[in-house]
Protein backbone atom coordinates (compact mmCIF):
# COMPACT_ATOMS: atom_id res chain seq x y z
CA PHE A 1 1.75 -4.98 -48.17
CA TRP A 2 -1.51 -6.17 -48.68
CA LYS A 3 -2.03 -7.32 -45.31
CA TRP A 4 -1.95 -4.19 -44.24
CA VAL A 5 -4.14 -1.98 -45.83
CA PRO A 6 -7.53 -3.33 -46.79
CA LEU A 7 -7.08 -3.83 -50.52
CA ALA A 8 -10.90 -2.88 -52.08
CA PRO A 9 -11.01 0.55 -50.19
CA THR A 10 -7.58 1.39 -51.69
CA LEU A 11 -7.99 0.42 -55.06
CA SER A 12 -11.39 2.21 -54.98
CA CYS A 13 -9.64 5.82 -53.90
CA LEU A 14 -6.81 5.08 -56.58
CA PHE A 15 -8.88 4.32 -59.47
CA PHE A 16 -12.32 4.01 -59.78
CA PHE A 17 -13.57 7.41 -58.98
CA ALA A 18 -12.82 11.15 -58.28
CA PRO A 19 -13.37 12.19 -54.74
CA ARG A 20 -15.05 15.10 -52.99
CA GLY A 21 -15.23 17.06 -50.02
CA THR A 22 -15.42 14.77 -47.09
CA THR A 23 -15.03 11.78 -49.09
CA ALA A 24 -11.60 12.91 -50.47
CA MET A 25 -10.31 13.33 -46.44
CA ARG A 26 -11.77 10.02 -46.25
CA CYS A 27 -9.55 8.61 -49.06
CA ALA A 28 -7.01 10.45 -48.29
CA ALA A 29 -6.65 8.29 -44.56
CA VAL A 30 -7.09 5.07 -46.97
CA LEU A 31 -4.04 6.13 -48.87
CA ALA A 32 -1.34 7.74 -45.92
CA ALA A 33 -2.57 4.62 -44.05
CA ALA A 34 -1.51 2.33 -47.76
CA ALA A 35 1.69 5.17 -47.47
CA ALA A 36 2.61 4.26 -43.42
CA ALA A 37 2.06 0.60 -44.17
CA PHE A 38 4.49 0.73 -47.06
CA VAL A 39 7.12 3.19 -45.06
CA SER A 40 6.91 0.78 -41.81
CA LEU A 41 7.50 -2.11 -44.49
CA ARG A 42 10.90 -1.21 -45.18
CA GLY A 43 11.47 -0.04 -41.80
CA ASN A 44 11.15 3.49 -40.88
CA SER A 45 10.31 3.60 -37.16
CA VAL A 46 6.77 6.31 -37.53
CA GLY A 47 4.14 4.05 -39.54
CA THR A 48 1.00 2.62 -37.86
CA ASP A 49 2.56 -0.38 -37.01
CA ASP A 50 4.52 -1.30 -33.96
CA SER A 51 6.86 -3.82 -34.84
CA ASN A 52 9.56 -1.35 -34.94
CA LYS A 53 8.58 0.92 -32.16
CA THR A 54 11.65 1.88 -30.52
CA ALA A 55 11.92 1.07 -26.78
CA ALA A 56 11.47 4.61 -24.96
CA LYS A 57 8.24 5.06 -27.10
CA PRO A 58 4.37 2.31 -26.32
CA CYS A 59 3.83 2.64 -30.04
CA ASN A 60 4.57 4.71 -32.95
CA CYS A 61 2.52 7.60 -35.22
CA GLU A 62 -1.08 6.41 -36.06
CA ALA A 63 -2.06 9.61 -38.57
CA ALA A 64 -4.13 7.53 -40.67
CA ASN A 65 -6.24 4.03 -40.46
CA PRO A 66 -9.03 2.96 -42.63
CA MET A 67 -10.96 1.28 -39.75
CA TRP A 68 -11.98 4.43 -37.99
CA HIS A 69 -15.16 5.34 -38.80
CA ALA A 70 -15.94 8.94 -38.89
CA PRO A 71 -19.42 10.69 -37.57
CA PRO A 72 -22.20 11.18 -39.80
CA MET A 73 -21.43 14.35 -42.55
CA ASN A 74 -25.62 14.59 -42.41
CA ARG A 75 -25.28 15.70 -38.46
CA PRO A 76 -25.84 19.03 -37.18
CA SER A 77 -22.39 21.04 -36.31
CA LYS A 78 -21.42 22.41 -33.08
CA CYS A 79 -18.25 23.74 -31.16
CA VAL A 80 -15.60 20.43 -29.99
CA PHE A 81 -13.50 20.95 -27.37
CA ILE A 82 -11.29 18.97 -26.63
CA ASP A 83 -9.01 18.90 -23.64
CA LEU A 84 -5.75 16.95 -23.38
CA GLY A 85 -4.17 17.59 -19.69
CA ALA A 86 -8.01 18.64 -18.34
CA ALA A 87 -6.54 17.50 -14.52
CA ASP A 88 -9.46 18.73 -12.72
CA GLY A 89 -11.55 19.72 -15.18
CA ASN A 90 -9.95 23.47 -14.26
CA THR A 91 -9.34 24.41 -18.33
CA PHE A 92 -13.10 22.92 -19.13
CA GLN A 93 -14.23 25.41 -16.51
CA GLN A 94 -13.12 28.13 -19.00
CA PHE A 95 -14.78 26.76 -21.73
CA ILE A 96 -18.30 26.35 -20.56
CA THR A 97 -17.93 30.27 -18.69
CA ASN A 98 -16.80 31.89 -22.26
CA GLY A 99 -13.06 31.51 -21.30
CA TYR A 100 -12.23 30.59 -25.29
CA GLY A 101 -14.80 32.63 -26.40
CA PRO A 102 -19.13 32.96 -26.25
CA VAL A 103 -20.41 29.33 -26.18
CA GLY A 104 -23.41 30.67 -27.48
CA ASN A 105 -21.89 31.65 -30.64
CA CYS A 106 -21.32 28.29 -31.60
CA PRO A 107 -23.02 26.55 -34.49
CA SER A 108 -26.24 25.54 -34.30
CA GLY A 109 -27.38 27.78 -31.45
CA GLY A 110 -24.73 27.09 -29.39
CA ALA A 111 -24.16 23.24 -29.05
CA TRP A 112 -20.97 21.56 -27.77
CA GLU A 113 -19.28 18.94 -27.22
CA ALA A 114 -16.00 17.90 -24.62
CA TYR A 115 -13.49 16.01 -24.26
CA LEU A 116 -11.43 15.76 -21.70
CA VAL A 117 -8.23 13.20 -21.14
CA GLU A 118 -6.05 13.29 -17.95
CA ALA A 119 -3.70 10.11 -17.36
CA ASN A 120 -3.36 11.32 -13.39
CA PRO A 121 -5.64 8.72 -11.33
CA ARG A 122 -5.90 11.48 -8.67
CA PHE A 123 -7.98 13.77 -10.71
CA GLU A 124 -10.61 10.97 -12.11
CA PRO A 125 -13.59 11.15 -9.13
CA ASN A 126 -13.18 15.13 -10.46
CA LEU A 127 -13.52 14.57 -13.96
CA ARG A 128 -16.29 12.09 -13.22
CA ALA A 129 -18.04 14.35 -11.59
CA VAL A 130 -18.17 16.46 -14.78
CA GLN A 131 -19.62 14.36 -16.79
CA GLN A 132 -22.35 13.33 -14.93
CA GLN A 133 -22.90 17.14 -14.32
CA TYR A 134 -23.30 18.04 -18.37
CA PRO A 135 -24.35 14.04 -19.56
CA GLY A 136 -23.78 12.89 -23.10
CA LYS A 137 -22.31 16.17 -23.71
CA VAL A 138 -18.94 15.55 -21.76
CA HIS A 139 -17.06 12.81 -22.13
CA VAL A 140 -14.08 11.75 -20.16
CA PHE A 141 -10.86 9.21 -20.59
CA ALA A 142 -9.98 9.12 -16.78
CA SER A 143 -6.39 7.88 -16.25
CA THR A 144 -5.55 7.62 -19.53
CA ALA A 145 -2.51 9.38 -21.61
CA ALA A 146 -2.81 11.53 -24.35
CA TYR A 147 -0.82 10.09 -27.31
CA MET A 148 -0.02 9.05 -30.94
CA CYS A 149 -1.12 5.97 -30.79
CA ALA A 150 -3.68 3.32 -28.67
CA ALA A 151 -1.40 1.53 -26.26
CA THR A 152 -0.39 1.24 -22.82
CA THR A 153 2.60 3.56 -20.67
CA SER A 154 4.20 3.55 -17.54
CA PHE A 155 2.65 7.08 -16.67
CA PHE A 156 4.68 9.00 -13.50
CA LEU A 157 3.50 11.22 -11.12
CA ASP A 158 4.00 14.89 -9.69
CA THR A 159 3.06 14.90 -5.80
CA THR A 160 4.81 17.23 -4.54
CA ASN A 161 2.80 19.94 -6.29
CA HIS A 162 0.06 20.37 -4.35
CA GLY A 163 -0.78 24.27 -4.92
CA HIS A 164 -0.45 23.55 -8.57
CA ASN A 165 -2.75 20.94 -9.37
CA TYR A 166 0.22 18.31 -9.42
CA TRP A 167 0.54 19.63 -13.02
CA GLY A 168 4.31 18.01 -13.44
CA SER A 169 3.31 14.69 -13.94
CA SER A 170 3.92 13.45 -17.37
CA MET A 171 5.00 10.53 -19.61
CA SER A 172 8.62 11.00 -19.39
CA ALA A 173 10.84 9.79 -16.43
CA SER A 174 13.03 12.92 -16.90
CA HIS A 175 10.33 15.76 -16.33
CA PRO A 176 11.51 18.00 -13.13
CA ASP A 177 8.84 17.23 -11.22
CA VAL A 178 8.78 13.83 -11.72
CA VAL A 179 11.88 13.07 -10.23
CA LYS A 180 11.48 15.70 -7.67
CA SER A 181 8.81 12.70 -6.77
CA GLY A 182 10.72 10.31 -6.35
CA GLN A 183 9.49 8.62 -9.88
CA VAL A 184 6.52 7.26 -8.61
CA LYS A 185 5.17 5.87 -11.57
CA VAL A 186 1.68 3.78 -12.67
CA THR A 187 0.47 1.87 -15.69
CA VAL A 188 -2.28 3.71 -18.08
CA PRO A 189 -3.66 3.44 -21.73
CA THR A 190 -3.19 5.41 -24.61
CA VAL A 191 -5.53 7.30 -26.65
CA ASN A 192 -4.94 8.18 -29.96
CA VAL A 193 -5.57 11.83 -30.65
CA ILE A 194 -5.92 12.02 -34.03
CA ARG A 195 -8.70 9.24 -34.08
CA MET A 196 -10.42 10.49 -31.56
CA ILE A 197 -10.42 14.21 -33.33
CA MET A 198 -11.47 11.61 -36.38
CA GLU A 199 -14.27 9.97 -34.65
CA ASN A 200 -16.18 13.00 -33.36
CA THR A 201 -15.59 15.75 -35.61
CA VAL A 202 -16.84 17.02 -38.92
CA GLN A 203 -15.98 19.61 -41.38
CA GLY A 204 -18.77 21.77 -39.60
CA ASP A 205 -17.36 21.89 -36.49
CA TRP A 206 -15.35 24.39 -34.72
CA VAL A 207 -12.91 22.36 -33.43
CA MET A 208 -10.33 23.92 -30.55
CA LEU A 209 -8.06 20.97 -29.21
CA LYS A 210 -5.28 22.35 -25.90
CA MET A 211 -2.75 20.29 -25.27
CA ASP A 212 -0.75 20.49 -22.25
CA ILE A 213 1.23 17.41 -21.34
CA GLU A 214 4.21 17.68 -20.56
CA GLY A 215 6.76 17.02 -23.07
CA ALA A 216 4.58 14.60 -25.04
CA GLU A 217 3.88 17.02 -27.81
CA TRP A 218 6.93 16.25 -29.07
CA ASP A 219 5.63 13.58 -30.31
CA ILE A 220 2.25 14.17 -30.97
CA VAL A 221 2.72 17.11 -32.77
CA PRO A 222 4.64 16.30 -35.72
CA CYS A 223 2.36 13.03 -35.85
CA LEU A 224 -1.34 15.82 -36.61
CA ALA A 225 0.54 17.41 -38.75
CA SER A 226 1.42 14.24 -41.37
CA SER A 227 -2.27 13.19 -40.90
CA PRO A 228 -4.86 14.38 -43.55
CA PHE A 229 -7.02 15.47 -40.21
CA ALA A 230 -5.09 17.98 -39.44
CA PRO A 231 -7.30 20.54 -41.17
CA LEU A 232 -10.54 19.23 -39.01
CA VAL A 233 -8.58 21.32 -36.20
CA ASP A 234 -9.63 25.01 -35.94
CA ALA A 235 -7.86 26.18 -33.17
CA PHE A 236 -4.87 24.50 -31.52
CA TYR A 237 -3.62 25.90 -28.15
CA LEU A 238 -0.62 24.02 -27.65
CA GLU A 239 1.55 24.50 -24.43
CA GLU A 240 5.44 23.78 -25.27
CA HIS A 241 7.17 22.81 -22.68
CA PRO A 242 11.38 21.88 -23.22
CA ARG A 243 12.36 19.65 -25.49
CA SER A 244 14.48 17.96 -22.26
CA TRP A 245 11.03 16.68 -20.86
CA ASN A 246 11.03 14.02 -23.56
CA PRO A 247 14.83 12.93 -23.50
CA ASP A 248 13.42 10.01 -25.73
CA THR A 249 11.89 11.86 -28.54
CA GLN A 250 12.83 11.21 -32.04
CA THR A 251 11.83 15.25 -33.21
CA THR A 252 14.23 18.23 -33.56
CA GLU A 253 13.80 21.84 -32.85
CA ALA A 254 13.45 22.31 -36.07
CA ASP A 255 11.10 18.93 -36.66
CA MET A 256 9.23 20.78 -34.26
CA GLN A 257 8.63 23.90 -35.67
CA ASN A 258 8.58 22.59 -39.33
CA ALA A 259 5.25 20.50 -37.85
CA LYS A 260 3.92 23.68 -36.21
CA ALA A 261 4.07 26.12 -39.17
CA TYR A 262 2.93 23.07 -41.33
CA LEU A 263 -0.56 23.20 -39.44
CA VAL A 264 -0.74 26.83 -39.37
CA SER A 265 -0.55 26.41 -43.51
CA LYS A 266 -3.46 23.97 -43.40
CA GLY A 267 -5.68 26.36 -41.77
CA VAL A 268 -4.76 25.43 -37.72
CA ASN A 269 -4.70 28.75 -36.26
CA MET A 270 -2.47 28.48 -33.01
CA PRO A 271 -2.58 31.46 -30.62
CA GLN A 272 0.15 31.89 -28.13
CA TYR A 273 -0.76 29.72 -24.61
CA PHE A 274 -0.11 28.93 -21.35
CA SER A 275 -1.78 26.29 -18.93
CA GLN A 276 -5.16 27.23 -17.50
CA THR A 277 -3.86 26.17 -14.86
CA PHE A 278 -1.17 29.18 -14.45
CA PHE A 279 -4.17 31.14 -15.56
CA LEU A 280 -6.10 30.17 -12.36
CA LEU A 281 -3.23 30.26 -9.72
CA ASN A 282 -1.54 33.99 -10.94
CA GLY A 283 -4.60 35.50 -12.13
CA THR A 284 -3.25 36.36 -16.01
CA GLU A 285 -5.74 36.84 -19.13
CA PRO A 286 -7.22 33.28 -20.18
CA ALA A 287 -5.40 32.01 -23.72
CA GLY A 288 -8.95 31.74 -25.45
CA SER A 289 -10.35 34.68 -24.30
CA ASN A 290 -10.47 36.90 -27.68
CA THR A 291 -11.53 33.96 -29.63
CA THR A 292 -14.66 33.95 -31.68
CA LEU A 293 -16.45 30.81 -31.82
CA GLY A 294 -18.40 29.43 -34.74
CA LYS A 295 -17.44 29.31 -38.12
């Protein structure tokens, strides 16, 4: 069992002190990783060990890991915008032009950073251009799929919806737009969304998580709900797609509803949301227009 989790941090959290504040959150991660390793050894398919992964998934839920590194807790607070399914940067443009609330209201006099994740290689030049426009503030994960663990995966391209920013690209070969496009696929790395949150945010930040990933949310959302780092998220803009777009998921409709309810109970605001791509095409009110940034 102990080969999975460093012994000293786990024993320290269990026996040697009563953790508080940020230290408590880190201890929760250590103990969660220990529990996940134990569950994995008992044969459960959800945990930090990939040896029991299903054939359909590139890897299993990794909700915490004591080897992750949190940022300095005394760094100035800021808004952190994490965009999963960033396309060509159109949702980021909504954020920077106050579509998710006045950026000037961000902590530390309007400080912010953004993390843009997009699996479709078509959009890599666009996202690199955005990163160059905001050096040190925009961090791009191009040709990378957002997921609940780090691995590689097949990613299927929507090649037909030219007027809709190829919005049907997906990790699922069963997505209707993927089928329509002939199931053209590429292989891309995945990034663990939970690790991204833990390693780039602190409790004083205002953290916005936007997720529009064509069905993969059915795997990620329950994993996020099981993580001790979920409360770091202040506002979660989830575009939920039909479960049939991820036919290999083990998440039931009830599981998804329970996961969302649990996130809300932990203080995560989940306003009704739809794609900013849809907004740009149809001129509908943006989802975050009435959000007040900052704590």
